[in-house]
Amino acid sequence: MASTLRSAILRHIRVPATQSLSANGSRLTAVRLMSSHDDHITKDEVINRVLDVIKCYPKVEPSKVTPEVHFEKDLGLDSLDTVEIVMALEEEFKLEIPDKEAVRIESCEQAIEYIYNHPMSS
C-alpha cells in the first residue's frame, strides 16, 4: 500500500533543478522542472493492449474483437463480464477506474478513450 501511494505521488511531483550562470558579472538562474510522468503511452499502444485484454477474456471470440466493438451488443457479454473486463484493464494499465466511470465503459472504444486520457495509465 505504501509503495503504491509513493509511486502515485512521485508520478506527479515536479522537482526543480537549478543552475547558476554568470554572464558579464550578473548572475542568472536557470530553472528546469522535471516530471517523472512524461512517458504517457501512445493511442496505438492503448488500442493494442485493450484489444489483447478483451481477446483473452474466456467468453470472447477473438476474431470478433475490433476497436469499435460493443461488449453486450456485439460480443454477447453481460454486465458481470463487463465488470471483469474493466478489472482486467485496470490491472493491465496499472490504474484504478472509479465505479462511476467503470459503469460507463460498455465498448472497446469507450475503454480506449478512457485509458488513453487517464493521466496515470502506463
PDB file of N, CA and C in Angstrom:
ATOM      1  N   MET A   1       0.823  -1.192   0.000  1.00  0.00           N
ATOM      2  CA  MET A   1       0.000   0.000   0.000  1.00  0.00           C
ATOM      3  C   MET A   1       0.867   1.255   0.000  1.00  0.00           C
ATOM      4  N   ALA A   2       1.870   1.279   0.870  1.00  0.00           N
ATOM      5  CA  ALA A   2       2.731   2.458   0.970  1.00  0.00           C
ATOM      6  C   ALA A   2       3.515   2.670  -0.314  1.00  0.00           C
ATOM      7  N   SER A   3       3.989   1.592  -0.911  1.00  0.00           N
ATOM      8  CA  SER A   3       4.758   1.751  -2.146  1.00  0.00           C
ATOM      9  C   SER A   3       3.867   2.203  -3.297  1.00  0.00           C
ATOM     10  N   THR A   4       2.602   1.752  -3.318  1.00  0.00           N
ATOM     11  CA  THR A   4       1.659   2.187  -4.350  1.00  0.00           C
ATOM     12  C   THR A   4       1.369   3.671  -4.200  1.00  0.00           C
ATOM     13  N   LEU A   5       1.139   4.095  -2.972  1.00  0.00           N
ATOM     14  CA  LEU A   5       0.889   5.509  -2.706  1.00  0.00           C
ATOM     15  C   LEU A   5       2.109   6.341  -3.064  1.00  0.00           C
ATOM     16  N   ARG A   6       3.269   5.856  -2.701  1.00  0.00           N
ATOM     17  CA  ARG A   6       4.517   6.562  -3.011  1.00  0.00           C
ATOM     18  C   ARG A   6       4.680   6.720  -4.516  1.00  0.00           C
ATOM     19  N   SER A   7       4.433   5.653  -5.268  1.00  0.00           N
ATOM     20  CA  SER A   7       4.561   5.709  -6.732  1.00  0.00           C
ATOM     21  C   SER A   7       3.580   6.699  -7.333  1.00  0.00           C
ATOM     22  N   ALA A   8       2.347   6.689  -6.827  1.00  0.00           N
ATOM     23  CA  ALA A   8       1.332   7.609  -7.343  1.00  0.00           C
ATOM     24  C   ALA A   8       1.716   9.060  -7.086  1.00  0.00           C
ATOM     25  N   ILE A   9       2.247   9.333  -5.908  1.00  0.00           N
ATOM     26  CA  ILE A   9       2.664  10.699  -5.576  1.00  0.00           C
ATOM     27  C   ILE A   9       3.863  11.118  -6.417  1.00  0.00           C
ATOM     28  N   LEU A  10       4.833  10.239  -6.550  1.00  0.00           N
ATOM     29  CA  LEU A  10       6.046  10.584  -7.289  1.00  0.00           C
ATOM     30  C   LEU A  10       5.782  10.836  -8.769  1.00  0.00           C
ATOM     31  N   ARG A  11       4.731  10.260  -9.310  1.00  0.00           N
ATOM     32  CA  ARG A  11       4.420  10.493 -10.715  1.00  0.00           C
ATOM     33  C   ARG A  11       4.008  11.937 -10.985  1.00  0.00           C
ATOM     34  N   HIS A  12       3.537  12.627  -9.959  1.00  0.00           N
ATOM     35  CA  HIS A  12       3.046  13.985 -10.149  1.00  0.00           C
ATOM     36  C   HIS A  12       3.946  15.057  -9.549  1.00  0.00           C
ATOM     37  N   ILE A  13       5.027  14.667  -8.940  1.00  0.00           N
ATOM     38  CA  ILE A  13       5.929  15.637  -8.324  1.00  0.00           C
ATOM     39  C   ILE A  13       6.822  16.252  -9.395  1.00  0.00           C
ATOM     40  N   ARG A  14       7.005  17.529  -9.300  1.00  0.00           N
ATOM     41  CA  ARG A  14       7.933  18.223 -10.182  1.00  0.00           C
ATOM     42  C   ARG A  14       9.096  18.703  -9.332  1.00  0.00           C
ATOM     43  N   VAL A  15      10.280  18.331  -9.723  1.00  0.00           N
ATOM     44  CA  VAL A  15      11.472  18.657  -8.961  1.00  0.00           C
ATOM     45  C   VAL A  15      12.229  19.761  -9.687  1.00  0.00           C
ATOM     46  N   PRO A  16      12.429  20.901  -9.032  1.00  0.00           N
ATOM     47  CA  PRO A  16      13.183  21.957  -9.702  1.00  0.00           C
ATOM     48  C   PRO A  16      14.681  21.646  -9.711  1.00  0.00           C
ATOM     49  N   ALA A  17      15.273  21.809 -10.853  1.00  0.00           N
ATOM     50  CA  ALA A  17      16.724  21.655 -10.975  1.00  0.00           C
ATOM     51  C   ALA A  17      17.269  23.033 -11.342  1.00  0.00           C
ATOM     52  N   THR A  18      18.050  23.626 -10.471  1.00  0.00           N
ATOM     53  CA  THR A  18      18.545  24.976 -10.729  1.00  0.00           C
ATOM     54  C   THR A  18      20.015  24.947 -11.093  1.00  0.00           C
ATOM     55  N   GLN A  19      20.387  25.935 -11.844  1.00  0.00           N
ATOM     56  CA  GLN A  19      21.780  26.069 -12.262  1.00  0.00           C
ATOM     57  C   GLN A  19      22.088  27.562 -12.326  1.00  0.00           C
ATOM     58  N   SER A  20      23.177  27.974 -11.722  1.00  0.00           N
ATOM     59  CA  SER A  20      23.567  29.373 -11.749  1.00  0.00           C
ATOM     60  C   SER A  20      24.546  29.618 -12.882  1.00  0.00           C
ATOM     61  N   LEU A  21      24.303  30.672 -13.615  1.00  0.00           N
ATOM     62  CA  LEU A  21      25.170  31.046 -14.725  1.00  0.00           C
ATOM     63  C   LEU A  21      25.666  32.466 -14.505  1.00  0.00           C
ATOM     64  N   SER A  22      26.853  32.747 -14.967  1.00  0.00           N
ATOM     65  CA  SER A  22      27.367  34.108 -14.900  1.00  0.00           C
ATOM     66  C   SER A  22      27.505  34.651 -16.317  1.00  0.00           C
ATOM     67  N   ALA A  23      26.988  35.830 -16.512  1.00  0.00           N
ATOM     68  CA  ALA A  23      27.100  36.491 -17.806  1.00  0.00           C
ATOM     69  C   ALA A  23      27.421  37.957 -17.551  1.00  0.00           C
ATOM     70  N   ASN A  24      28.601  38.382 -17.930  1.00  0.00           N
ATOM     71  CA  ASN A  24      29.048  39.763 -17.742  1.00  0.00           C
ATOM     72  C   ASN A  24      28.929  40.221 -16.295  1.00  0.00           C
ATOM     73  N   GLY A  25      29.265  39.358 -15.367  1.00  0.00           N
ATOM     74  CA  GLY A  25      29.245  39.728 -13.961  1.00  0.00           C
ATOM     75  C   GLY A  25      27.881  39.632 -13.314  1.00  0.00           C
ATOM     76  N   SER A  26      26.821  39.468 -14.103  1.00  0.00           N
ATOM     77  CA  SER A  26      25.495  39.336 -13.497  1.00  0.00           C
ATOM     78  C   SER A  26      25.162  37.849 -13.343  1.00  0.00           C
ATOM     79  N   ARG A  27      24.413  37.570 -12.357  1.00  0.00           N
ATOM     80  CA  ARG A  27      24.112  36.174 -12.064  1.00  0.00           C
ATOM     81  C   ARG A  27      22.718  35.813 -12.595  1.00  0.00           C
ATOM     82  N   LEU A  28      22.653  34.769 -13.391  1.00  0.00           N
ATOM     83  CA  LEU A  28      21.389  34.274 -13.938  1.00  0.00           C
ATOM     84  C   LEU A  28      21.103  32.904 -13.337  1.00  0.00           C
ATOM     85  N   THR A  29      19.868  32.633 -13.097  1.00  0.00           N
ATOM     86  CA  THR A  29      19.483  31.324 -12.585  1.00  0.00           C
ATOM     87  C   THR A  29      18.526  30.674 -13.570  1.00  0.00           C
ATOM     88  N   ALA A  30      18.878  29.490 -13.999  1.00  0.00           N
ATOM     89  CA  ALA A  30      18.016  28.735 -14.902  1.00  0.00           C
ATOM     90  C   ALA A  30      17.297  27.671 -14.090  1.00  0.00           C
ATOM     91  N   VAL A  31      16.020  27.546 -14.321  1.00  0.00           N
ATOM     92  CA  VAL A  31      15.224  26.545 -13.614  1.00  0.00           C
ATOM     93  C   VAL A  31      14.576  25.644 -14.647  1.00  0.00           C
ATOM     94  N   ARG A  32      14.707  24.359 -14.426  1.00  0.00           N
ATOM     95  CA  ARG A  32      14.086  23.378 -15.302  1.00  0.00           C
ATOM     96  C   ARG A  32      13.242  22.462 -14.431  1.00  0.00           C
ATOM     97  N   LEU A  33      11.955  22.367 -14.737  1.00  0.00           N
ATOM     98  CA  LEU A  33      11.081  21.488 -13.986  1.00  0.00           C
ATOM     99  C   LEU A  33      11.033  20.132 -14.674  1.00  0.00           C
ATOM    100  N   MET A  34      11.261  19.096 -13.892  1.00  0.00           N
ATOM    101  CA  MET A  34      11.234  17.752 -14.445  1.00  0.00           C
ATOM    102  C   MET A  34      10.093  16.992 -13.797  1.00  0.00           C
ATOM    103  N   SER A  35       9.394  16.221 -14.588  1.00  0.00           N
ATOM    104  CA  SER A  35       8.307  15.385 -14.092  1.00  0.00           C
ATOM    105  C   SER A  35       8.645  13.933 -14.361  1.00  0.00           C
ATOM    106  N   SER A  36       8.272  13.070 -13.448  1.00  0.00           N
ATOM    107  CA  SER A  36       8.557  11.658 -13.643  1.00  0.00           C
ATOM    108  C   SER A  36       7.502  10.974 -14.490  1.00  0.00           C
ATOM    109  N   HIS A  37       6.464  11.698 -14.922  1.00  0.00           N
ATOM    110  CA  HIS A  37       5.399  11.064 -15.696  1.00  0.00           C
ATOM    111  C   HIS A  37       5.265  11.709 -17.077  1.00  0.00           C
ATOM    112  N   ASP A  38       6.359  11.799 -17.798  1.00  0.00           N
ATOM    113  CA  ASP A  38       6.337  12.351 -19.144  1.00  0.00           C
ATOM    114  C   ASP A  38       6.225  11.261 -20.194  1.00  0.00           C
ATOM    115  N   ASP A  39       6.083  10.025 -19.761  1.00  0.00           N
ATOM    116  CA  ASP A  39       6.107   8.899 -20.681  1.00  0.00           C
ATOM    117  C   ASP A  39       4.708   8.343 -20.941  1.00  0.00           C
ATOM    118  N   HIS A  40       3.748   9.212 -21.247  1.00  0.00           N
ATOM    119  CA  HIS A  40       2.381   8.776 -21.499  1.00  0.00           C
ATOM    120  C   HIS A  40       2.359   7.852 -22.710  1.00  0.00           C
ATOM    121  N   ILE A  41       1.579   6.796 -22.624  1.00  0.00           N
ATOM    122  CA  ILE A  41       1.563   5.807 -23.697  1.00  0.00           C
ATOM    123  C   ILE A  41       0.795   6.328 -24.911  1.00  0.00           C
ATOM    124  N   THR A  42       1.150   5.812 -26.077  1.00  0.00           N
ATOM    125  CA  THR A  42       0.525   6.256 -27.321  1.00  0.00           C
ATOM    126  C   THR A  42      -0.855   5.627 -27.471  1.00  0.00           C
ATOM    127  N   LYS A  43      -1.680   6.243 -28.303  1.00  0.00           N
ATOM    128  CA  LYS A  43      -3.019   5.718 -28.527  1.00  0.00           C
ATOM    129  C   LYS A  43      -2.963   4.344 -29.185  1.00  0.00           C
ATOM    130  N   ASP A  44      -2.020   4.136 -30.108  1.00  0.00           N
ATOM    131  CA  ASP A  44      -1.885   2.824 -30.753  1.00  0.00           C
ATOM    132  C   ASP A  44      -1.552   1.739 -29.733  1.00  0.00           C
ATOM    133  N   GLU A  45      -0.694   2.075 -28.778  1.00  0.00           N
ATOM    134  CA  GLU A  45      -0.348   1.109 -27.734  1.00  0.00           C
ATOM    135  C   GLU A  45      -1.572   0.794 -26.871  1.00  0.00           C
ATOM    136  N   VAL A  46      -2.358   1.823 -26.545  1.00  0.00           N
ATOM    137  CA  VAL A  46      -3.572   1.618 -25.757  1.00  0.00           C
ATOM    138  C   VAL A  46      -4.531   0.706 -26.524  1.00  0.00           C
ATOM    139  N   ILE A  47      -4.729   0.999 -27.801  1.00  0.00           N
ATOM    140  CA  ILE A  47      -5.634   0.192 -28.625  1.00  0.00           C
ATOM    141  C   ILE A  47      -5.192  -1.272 -28.632  1.00  0.00           C
ATOM    142  N   ASN A  48      -3.926  -1.511 -28.918  1.00  0.00           N
ATOM    143  CA  ASN A  48      -3.427  -2.886 -28.997  1.00  0.00           C
ATOM    144  C   ASN A  48      -3.570  -3.627 -27.669  1.00  0.00           C
ATOM    145  N   ARG A  49      -3.244  -2.959 -26.575  1.00  0.00           N
ATOM    146  CA  ARG A  49      -3.316  -3.620 -25.266  1.00  0.00           C
ATOM    147  C   ARG A  49      -4.758  -3.855 -24.823  1.00  0.00           C
ATOM    148  N   VAL A  50      -5.661  -2.911 -25.095  1.00  0.00           N
ATOM    149  CA  VAL A  50      -7.073  -3.098 -24.762  1.00  0.00           C
ATOM    150  C   VAL A  50      -7.628  -4.284 -25.553  1.00  0.00           C
ATOM    151  N   LEU A  51      -7.350  -4.318 -26.844  1.00  0.00           N
ATOM    152  CA  LEU A  51      -7.851  -5.418 -27.674  1.00  0.00           C
ATOM    153  C   LEU A  51      -7.285  -6.755 -27.216  1.00  0.00           C
ATOM    154  N   ASP A  52      -6.019  -6.794 -26.832  1.00  0.00           N
ATOM    155  CA  ASP A  52      -5.412  -8.033 -26.337  1.00  0.00           C
ATOM    156  C   ASP A  52      -6.096  -8.524 -25.058  1.00  0.00           C
ATOM    157  N   VAL A  53      -6.394  -7.599 -24.143  1.00  0.00           N
ATOM    158  CA  VAL A  53      -7.068  -7.978 -22.893  1.00  0.00           C
ATOM    159  C   VAL A  53      -8.440  -8.574 -23.204  1.00  0.00           C
ATOM    160  N   ILE A  54      -9.172  -7.940 -24.096  1.00  0.00           N
ATOM    161  CA  ILE A  54     -10.522  -8.408 -24.406  1.00  0.00           C
ATOM    162  C   ILE A  54     -10.478  -9.730 -25.174  1.00  0.00           C
ATOM    163  N   LYS A  55      -9.523  -9.884 -26.057  1.00  0.00           N
ATOM    164  CA  LYS A  55      -9.386 -11.147 -26.802  1.00  0.00           C
ATOM    165  C   LYS A  55      -9.057 -12.314 -25.872  1.00  0.00           C
ATOM    166  N   CYS A  56      -8.402 -12.045 -24.778  1.00  0.00           N
ATOM    167  CA  CYS A  56      -8.028 -13.097 -23.829  1.00  0.00           C
ATOM    168  C   CYS A  56      -9.157 -13.465 -22.874  1.00  0.00           C
ATOM    169  N   TYR A  57     -10.230 -12.687 -22.888  1.00  0.00           N
ATOM    170  CA  TYR A  57     -11.356 -12.997 -21.994  1.00  0.00           C
ATOM    171  C   TYR A  57     -12.013 -14.285 -22.488  1.00  0.00           C
ATOM    172  N   PRO A  58     -12.248 -15.260 -21.593  1.00  0.00           N
ATOM    173  CA  PRO A  58     -12.716 -16.592 -21.998  1.00  0.00           C
ATOM    174  C   PRO A  58     -14.015 -16.626 -22.818  1.00  0.00           C
ATOM    175  N   LYS A  59     -14.939 -15.715 -22.586  1.00  0.00           N
ATOM    176  CA  LYS A  59     -16.235 -15.747 -23.270  1.00  0.00           C
ATOM    177  C   LYS A  59     -16.230 -14.999 -24.604  1.00  0.00           C
ATOM    178  N   VAL A  60     -15.068 -14.517 -25.038  1.00  0.00           N
ATOM    179  CA  VAL A  60     -14.986 -13.694 -26.244  1.00  0.00           C
ATOM    180  C   VAL A  60     -14.345 -14.474 -27.377  1.00  0.00           C
ATOM    181  N   GLU A  61     -14.959 -14.374 -28.546  1.00  0.00           N
ATOM    182  CA  GLU A  61     -14.366 -14.925 -29.762  1.00  0.00           C
ATOM    183  C   GLU A  61     -13.370 -13.874 -30.275  1.00  0.00           C
ATOM    184  N   PRO A  62     -12.062 -14.153 -30.212  1.00  0.00           N
ATOM    185  CA  PRO A  62     -11.048 -13.151 -30.562  1.00  0.00           C
ATOM    186  C   PRO A  62     -11.221 -12.525 -31.952  1.00  0.00           C
ATOM    187  N   SER A  63     -11.747 -13.282 -32.909  1.00  0.00           N
ATOM    188  CA  SER A  63     -11.897 -12.743 -34.267  1.00  0.00           C
ATOM    189  C   SER A  63     -12.957 -11.644 -34.348  1.00  0.00           C
ATOM    190  N   LYS A  64     -13.834 -11.537 -33.348  1.00  0.00           N
ATOM    191  CA  LYS A  64     -14.888 -10.514 -33.343  1.00  0.00           C
ATOM    192  C   LYS A  64     -14.431  -9.195 -32.718  1.00  0.00           C
ATOM    193  N   VAL A  65     -13.272  -9.190 -32.100  1.00  0.00           N
ATOM    194  CA  VAL A  65     -12.823  -8.007 -31.352  1.00  0.00           C
ATOM    195  C   VAL A  65     -12.192  -6.986 -32.287  1.00  0.00           C
ATOM    196  N   THR A  66     -12.764  -5.783 -32.279  1.00  0.00           N
ATOM    197  CA  THR A  66     -12.248  -4.634 -33.041  1.00  0.00           C
ATOM    198  C   THR A  66     -12.292  -3.415 -32.117  1.00  0.00           C
ATOM    199  N   PRO A  67     -11.649  -2.326 -32.497  1.00  0.00           N
ATOM    200  CA  PRO A  67     -11.702  -1.129 -31.646  1.00  0.00           C
ATOM    201  C   PRO A  67     -13.111  -0.549 -31.475  1.00  0.00           C
ATOM    202  N   GLU A  68     -14.053  -0.903 -32.351  1.00  0.00           N
ATOM    203  CA  GLU A  68     -15.405  -0.347 -32.295  1.00  0.00           C
ATOM    204  C   GLU A  68     -16.416  -1.277 -31.641  1.00  0.00           C
ATOM    205  N   VAL A  69     -16.027  -2.484 -31.245  1.00  0.00           N
ATOM    206  CA  VAL A  69     -16.962  -3.499 -30.766  1.00  0.00           C
ATOM    207  C   VAL A  69     -17.596  -3.119 -29.431  1.00  0.00           C
ATOM    208  N   HIS A  70     -18.898  -3.397 -29.300  1.00  0.00           N
ATOM    209  CA  HIS A  70     -19.655  -3.165 -28.068  1.00  0.00           C
ATOM    210  C   HIS A  70     -19.691  -4.487 -27.302  1.00  0.00           C
ATOM    211  N   PHE A  71     -19.430  -4.444 -25.999  1.00  0.00           N
ATOM    212  CA  PHE A  71     -19.331  -5.664 -25.215  1.00  0.00           C
ATOM    213  C   PHE A  71     -20.632  -6.472 -25.216  1.00  0.00           C
ATOM    214  N   GLU A  72     -21.756  -5.809 -24.990  1.00  0.00           N
ATOM    215  CA  GLU A  72     -23.032  -6.522 -24.885  1.00  0.00           C
ATOM    216  C   GLU A  72     -23.631  -6.813 -26.261  1.00  0.00           C
ATOM    217  N   LYS A  73     -23.736  -5.786 -27.094  1.00  0.00           N
ATOM    218  CA  LYS A  73     -24.415  -5.935 -28.389  1.00  0.00           C
ATOM    219  C   LYS A  73     -23.646  -6.820 -29.368  1.00  0.00           C
ATOM    220  N   ASP A  74     -22.334  -6.648 -29.435  1.00  0.00           N
ATOM    221  CA  ASP A  74     -21.548  -7.360 -30.443  1.00  0.00           C
ATOM    222  C   ASP A  74     -20.916  -8.652 -29.932  1.00  0.00           C
ATOM    223  N   LEU A  75     -20.549  -8.665 -28.653  1.00  0.00           N
ATOM    224  CA  LEU A  75     -19.861  -9.836 -28.109  1.00  0.00           C
ATOM    225  C   LEU A  75     -20.761 -10.707 -27.230  1.00  0.00           C
ATOM    226  N   GLY A  76     -21.969 -10.227 -26.929  1.00  0.00           N
ATOM    227  CA  GLY A  76     -22.911 -11.005 -26.133  1.00  0.00           C
ATOM    228  C   GLY A  76     -22.540 -11.132 -24.671  1.00  0.00           C
ATOM    229  N   LEU A  77     -21.770 -10.191 -24.158  1.00  0.00           N
ATOM    230  CA  LEU A  77     -21.353 -10.237 -22.751  1.00  0.00           C
ATOM    231  C   LEU A  77     -22.420  -9.589 -21.870  1.00  0.00           C
ATOM    232  N   ASP A  78     -22.490 -10.013 -20.618  1.00  0.00           N
ATOM    233  CA  ASP A  78     -23.427  -9.390 -19.686  1.00  0.00           C
ATOM    234  C   ASP A  78     -22.686  -8.384 -18.804  1.00  0.00           C
ATOM    235  N   SER A  79     -23.398  -7.776 -17.867  1.00  0.00           N
ATOM    236  CA  SER A  79     -22.801  -6.719 -17.040  1.00  0.00           C
ATOM    237  C   SER A  79     -21.678  -7.247 -16.160  1.00  0.00           C
ATOM    238  N   LEU A  80     -21.794  -8.476 -15.674  1.00  0.00           N
ATOM    239  CA  LEU A  80     -20.727  -9.053 -14.859  1.00  0.00           C
ATOM    240  C   LEU A  80     -19.462  -9.266 -15.694  1.00  0.00           C
ATOM    241  N   ASP A  81     -19.639  -9.710 -16.932  1.00  0.00           N
ATOM    242  CA  ASP A  81     -18.490  -9.863 -17.829  1.00  0.00           C
ATOM    243  C   ASP A  81     -17.808  -8.515 -18.060  1.00  0.00           C
ATOM    244  N   THR A  82     -18.619  -7.485 -18.238  1.00  0.00           N
ATOM    245  CA  THR A  82     -18.068  -6.144 -18.460  1.00  0.00           C
ATOM    246  C   THR A  82     -17.268  -5.683 -17.250  1.00  0.00           C
ATOM    247  N   VAL A  83     -17.771  -5.955 -16.054  1.00  0.00           N
ATOM    248  CA  VAL A  83     -17.041  -5.598 -14.826  1.00  0.00           C
ATOM    249  C   VAL A  83     -15.697  -6.327 -14.790  1.00  0.00           C
ATOM    250  N   GLU A  84     -15.698  -7.607 -15.140  1.00  0.00           N
ATOM    251  CA  GLU A  84     -14.458  -8.380 -15.138  1.00  0.00           C
ATOM    252  C   GLU A  84     -13.463  -7.848 -16.183  1.00  0.00           C
ATOM    253  N   ILE A  85     -13.962  -7.430 -17.332  1.00  0.00           N
ATOM    254  CA  ILE A  85     -13.082  -6.852 -18.355  1.00  0.00           C
ATOM    255  C   ILE A  85     -12.485  -5.540 -17.861  1.00  0.00           C
ATOM    256  N   VAL A  86     -13.299  -4.697 -17.241  1.00  0.00           N
ATOM    257  CA  VAL A  86     -12.796  -3.424 -16.705  1.00  0.00           C
ATOM    258  C   VAL A  86     -11.731  -3.686 -15.645  1.00  0.00           C
ATOM    259  N   MET A  87     -11.947  -4.691 -14.801  1.00  0.00           N
ATOM    260  CA  MET A  87     -10.950  -5.032 -13.787  1.00  0.00           C
ATOM    261  C   MET A  87      -9.657  -5.518 -14.443  1.00  0.00           C
ATOM    262  N   ALA A  88      -9.775  -6.283 -15.515  1.00  0.00           N
ATOM    263  CA  ALA A  88      -8.585  -6.742 -16.234  1.00  0.00           C
ATOM    264  C   ALA A  88      -7.850  -5.571 -16.878  1.00  0.00           C
ATOM    265  N   LEU A  89      -8.592  -4.586 -17.363  1.00  0.00           N
ATOM    266  CA  LEU A  89      -7.973  -3.392 -17.943  1.00  0.00           C
ATOM    267  C   LEU A  89      -7.264  -2.573 -16.866  1.00  0.00           C
ATOM    268  N   GLU A  90      -7.864  -2.479 -15.685  1.00  0.00           N
ATOM    269  CA  GLU A  90      -7.213  -1.777 -14.572  1.00  0.00           C
ATOM    270  C   GLU A  90      -5.875  -2.435 -14.249  1.00  0.00           C
ATOM    271  N   GLU A  91      -5.869  -3.743 -14.227  1.00  0.00           N
ATOM    272  CA  GLU A  91      -4.641  -4.469 -13.926  1.00  0.00           C
ATOM    273  C   GLU A  91      -3.602  -4.280 -15.041  1.00  0.00           C
ATOM    274  N   GLU A  92      -4.044  -4.357 -16.276  1.00  0.00           N
ATOM    275  CA  GLU A  92      -3.137  -4.216 -17.423  1.00  0.00           C
ATOM    276  C   GLU A  92      -2.465  -2.849 -17.446  1.00  0.00           C
ATOM    277  N   PHE A  93      -3.242  -1.799 -17.165  1.00  0.00           N
ATOM    278  CA  PHE A  93      -2.723  -0.432 -17.277  1.00  0.00           C
ATOM    279  C   PHE A  93      -2.319   0.163 -15.929  1.00  0.00           C
ATOM    280  N   LYS A  94      -2.377  -0.633 -14.879  1.00  0.00           N
ATOM    281  CA  LYS A  94      -1.956  -0.204 -13.540  1.00  0.00           C
ATOM    282  C   LYS A  94      -2.657   1.088 -13.103  1.00  0.00           C
ATOM    283  N   LEU A  95      -3.973   1.082 -13.218  1.00  0.00           N
ATOM    284  CA  LEU A  95      -4.745   2.242 -12.780  1.00  0.00           C
ATOM    285  C   LEU A  95      -6.036   1.767 -12.134  1.00  0.00           C
ATOM    286  N   GLU A  96      -6.686   2.674 -11.438  1.00  0.00           N
ATOM    287  CA  GLU A  96      -7.956   2.366 -10.805  1.00  0.00           C
ATOM    288  C   GLU A  96      -9.035   3.206 -11.451  1.00  0.00           C
ATOM    289  N   ILE A  97     -10.064   2.534 -11.944  1.00  0.00           N
ATOM    290  CA  ILE A  97     -11.180   3.222 -12.582  1.00  0.00           C
ATOM    291  C   ILE A  97     -12.315   3.288 -11.554  1.00  0.00           C
ATOM    292  N   PRO A  98     -12.731   4.498 -11.174  1.00  0.00           N
ATOM    293  CA  PRO A  98     -13.820   4.627 -10.196  1.00  0.00           C
ATOM    294  C   PRO A  98     -15.094   3.959 -10.720  1.00  0.00           C
ATOM    295  N   ASP A  99     -15.920   3.436  -9.805  1.00  0.00           N
ATOM    296  CA  ASP A  99     -17.146   2.738 -10.189  1.00  0.00           C
ATOM    297  C   ASP A  99     -18.049   3.591 -11.072  1.00  0.00           C
ATOM    298  N   LYS A 100     -18.125   4.884 -10.775  1.00  0.00           N
ATOM    299  CA  LYS A 100     -18.977   5.785 -11.575  1.00  0.00           C
ATOM    300  C   LYS A 100     -18.517   5.840 -13.033  1.00  0.00           C
ATOM    301  N   GLU A 101     -17.233   5.732 -13.254  1.00  0.00           N
ATOM    302  CA  GLU A 101     -16.690   5.730 -14.603  1.00  0.00           C
ATOM    303  C   GLU A 101     -16.744   4.336 -15.227  1.00  0.00           C
ATOM    304  N   ALA A 102     -16.510   3.317 -14.412  1.00  0.00           N
ATOM    305  CA  ALA A 102     -16.460   1.947 -14.914  1.00  0.00           C
ATOM    306  C   ALA A 102     -17.789   1.518 -15.528  1.00  0.00           C
ATOM    307  N   VAL A 103     -18.907   1.929 -14.940  1.00  0.00           N
ATOM    308  CA  VAL A 103     -20.212   1.526 -15.468  1.00  0.00           C
ATOM    309  C   VAL A 103     -20.493   2.148 -16.833  1.00  0.00           C
ATOM    310  N   ARG A 104     -19.775   3.187 -17.181  1.00  0.00           N
ATOM    311  CA  ARG A 104     -19.951   3.844 -18.488  1.00  0.00           C
ATOM    312  C   ARG A 104     -19.142   3.171 -19.596  1.00  0.00           C
ATOM    313  N   ILE A 105     -18.234   2.310 -19.237  1.00  0.00           N
ATOM    314  CA  ILE A 105     -17.396   1.640 -20.234  1.00  0.00           C
ATOM    315  C   ILE A 105     -18.135   0.395 -20.720  1.00  0.00           C
ATOM    316  N   GLU A 106     -18.704   0.503 -21.918  1.00  0.00           N
ATOM    317  CA  GLU A 106     -19.504  -0.579 -22.483  1.00  0.00           C
ATOM    318  C   GLU A 106     -18.974  -1.062 -23.824  1.00  0.00           C
ATOM    319  N   SER A 107     -17.863  -0.500 -24.273  1.00  0.00           N
ATOM    320  CA  SER A 107     -17.315  -0.883 -25.571  1.00  0.00           C
ATOM    321  C   SER A 107     -15.797  -0.708 -25.563  1.00  0.00           C
ATOM    322  N   CYS A 108     -15.170  -1.298 -26.560  1.00  0.00           N
ATOM    323  CA  CYS A 108     -13.713  -1.122 -26.700  1.00  0.00           C
ATOM    324  C   CYS A 108     -13.383   0.347 -26.896  1.00  0.00           C
ATOM    325  N   GLU A 109     -14.172   1.014 -27.703  1.00  0.00           N
ATOM    326  CA  GLU A 109     -13.923   2.427 -27.996  1.00  0.00           C
ATOM    327  C   GLU A 109     -13.939   3.273 -26.724  1.00  0.00           C
ATOM    328  N   GLN A 110     -14.919   3.036 -25.855  1.00  0.00           N
ATOM    329  CA  GLN A 110     -15.005   3.788 -24.601  1.00  0.00           C
ATOM    330  C   GLN A 110     -13.840   3.445 -23.680  1.00  0.00           C
ATOM    331  N   ALA A 111     -13.454   2.182 -23.646  1.00  0.00           N
ATOM    332  CA  ALA A 111     -12.313   1.772 -22.818  1.00  0.00           C
ATOM    333  C   ALA A 111     -11.034   2.421 -23.316  1.00  0.00           C
ATOM    334  N   ILE A 112     -10.834   2.420 -24.620  1.00  0.00           N
ATOM    335  CA  ILE A 112      -9.631   3.012 -25.223  1.00  0.00           C
ATOM    336  C   ILE A 112      -9.559   4.496 -24.906  1.00  0.00           C
ATOM    337  N   GLU A 113     -10.648   5.210 -25.097  1.00  0.00           N
ATOM    338  CA  GLU A 113     -10.662   6.658 -24.834  1.00  0.00           C
ATOM    339  C   GLU A 113     -10.415   6.953 -23.357  1.00  0.00           C
ATOM    340  N   TYR A 114     -11.065   6.211 -22.477  1.00  0.00           N
ATOM    341  CA  TYR A 114     -10.884   6.452 -21.043  1.00  0.00           C
ATOM    342  C   TYR A 114      -9.426   6.235 -20.642  1.00  0.00           C
ATOM    343  N   ILE A 115      -8.868   5.120 -21.048  1.00  0.00           N
ATOM    344  CA  ILE A 115      -7.497   4.785 -20.656  1.00  0.00           C
ATOM    345  C   ILE A 115      -6.505   5.742 -21.291  1.00  0.00           C
ATOM    346  N   TYR A 116      -6.675   6.068 -22.558  1.00  0.00           N
ATOM    347  CA  TYR A 116      -5.746   6.981 -23.232  1.00  0.00           C
ATOM    348  C   TYR A 116      -5.743   8.355 -22.552  1.00  0.00           C
ATOM    349  N   ASN A 117      -6.897   8.808 -22.105  1.00  0.00           N
ATOM    350  CA  ASN A 117      -6.998  10.138 -21.484  1.00  0.00           C
ATOM    351  C   ASN A 117      -6.703  10.132 -19.987  1.00  0.00           C
ATOM    352  N   HIS A 118      -6.497   8.966 -19.407  1.00  0.00           N
ATOM    353  CA  HIS A 118      -6.213   8.879 -17.968  1.00  0.00           C
ATOM    354  C   HIS A 118      -4.744   9.235 -17.725  1.00  0.00           C
ATOM    355  N   PRO A 119      -4.465  10.175 -16.826  1.00  0.00           N
ATOM    356  CA  PRO A 119      -3.083  10.613 -16.623  1.00  0.00           C
ATOM    357  C   PRO A 119      -2.162   9.580 -15.990  1.00  0.00           C
ATOM    358  N   MET A 120      -2.735   8.551 -15.362  1.00  0.00           N
ATOM    359  CA  MET A 120      -1.888   7.558 -14.675  1.00  0.00           C
ATOM    360  C   MET A 120      -1.698   6.266 -15.459  1.00  0.00           C
ATOM    361  N   SER A 121      -2.260   6.183 -16.647  1.00  0.00           N
ATOM    362  CA  SER A 121      -2.134   4.932 -17.394  1.00  0.00           C
ATOM    363  C   SER A 121      -0.682   4.707 -17.821  1.00  0.00           C
ATOM    364  N   SER A 122      -0.266   3.458 -17.704  1.00  0.00           N
ATOM    365  CA  SER A 122       1.109   3.124 -18.075  1.00  0.00           C
ATOM    366  C   SER A 122       1.174   1.724 -18.655  1.00  0.00           C
TER     367      SER A 122
END
